[in-house]
């Protein structure tokens, strides 16, 4: 039964990489555009105050490296 399962399609990482490498240019561009749009939306979000506060505290506790 394990042999039959292996014949259904690629299961190991190297086989999956070969399948992904076979994407045509149009599909790759479409995926790239969607990823860029998603990350652009994330970059437009403000930095939470708690992160800004943490960064300020870390900067204040660091000795000058000049």
Protein backbone atom coordinates (compact mmCIF):
# COMPACT_ATOMS: atom_id res chain seq x y z
CA UNK A 1 0.00 0.00 0.00
CA UNK A 2 2.92 2.35 0.65
CA UNK A 3 4.13 1.82 -2.93
CA UNK A 4 0.72 2.73 -4.34
CA UNK A 5 0.66 5.88 -2.24
CA UNK A 6 4.07 6.95 -3.60
CA UNK A 7 2.82 6.61 -7.18
CA UNK A 8 -0.04 9.08 -6.60
CA UNK A 9 2.27 12.06 -6.83
CA UNK A 10 5.41 13.63 -5.49
CA UNK A 11 5.74 13.23 -1.73
CA UNK A 12 9.36 14.05 -0.94
CA UNK A 13 10.84 17.56 -0.80
CA UNK A 14 13.00 17.20 -3.92
CA UNK A 15 10.02 16.12 -6.01
CA UNK A 16 7.95 19.01 -4.70
CA UNK A 17 10.74 21.45 -5.65
CA UNK A 18 10.75 20.07 -9.19
CA UNK A 19 6.99 20.59 -9.46
CA UNK A 20 7.26 24.19 -8.21
CA UNK A 21 10.17 24.90 -10.54
CA UNK A 22 7.88 23.96 -13.41
CA UNK A 23 5.59 26.96 -12.96
CA UNK A 24 5.29 29.01 -16.11
CA UNK A 25 6.23 32.70 -16.22
CA UNK A 26 2.63 33.91 -16.03
CA UNK A 27 1.94 31.86 -12.89
CA UNK A 28 5.17 33.03 -11.26
CA UNK A 29 4.31 36.67 -12.01
CA UNK A 30 0.81 36.24 -10.63
CA UNK A 31 2.12 34.70 -7.41
CA UNK A 32 4.73 37.45 -7.13
CA UNK A 33 2.11 40.17 -7.60
CA UNK A 34 -0.12 38.66 -4.94
CA UNK A 35 2.78 38.36 -2.48
CA UNK A 36 3.86 41.95 -3.12
CA UNK A 37 0.31 43.21 -2.57
CA UNK A 38 0.06 41.24 0.67
CA UNK A 39 3.39 42.50 2.02
CA UNK A 40 2.68 46.08 0.92
CA UNK A 41 -0.51 45.98 2.99
CA UNK A 42 1.48 44.79 6.02
CA UNK A 43 4.07 47.55 5.54
CA UNK A 44 1.33 50.19 5.56
CA UNK A 45 0.23 49.20 9.07
CA UNK A 46 1.57 51.34 11.89
CA UNK A 47 4.14 49.95 14.31
CA UNK A 48 2.36 49.10 17.59
CA UNK A 49 3.21 51.43 20.48
CA UNK A 50 4.55 48.56 22.57
CA UNK A 51 7.10 47.75 19.86
CA UNK A 52 8.16 51.40 19.57
CA UNK A 53 8.52 51.56 23.36
CA UNK A 54 10.58 48.36 23.41
CA UNK A 55 12.89 49.63 20.67
CA UNK A 56 13.37 52.92 22.52
CA UNK A 57 14.24 51.08 25.75
CA UNK A 58 16.68 48.81 23.93
CA UNK A 59 18.35 51.79 22.27
CA UNK A 60 18.62 53.60 25.61
CA UNK A 61 20.22 50.60 27.33
CA UNK A 62 22.82 50.06 24.60
CA UNK A 63 26.22 51.69 25.17
CA UNK A 64 27.33 54.10 22.45
CA UNK A 65 29.25 52.28 19.74
CA UNK A 66 30.92 55.35 18.27
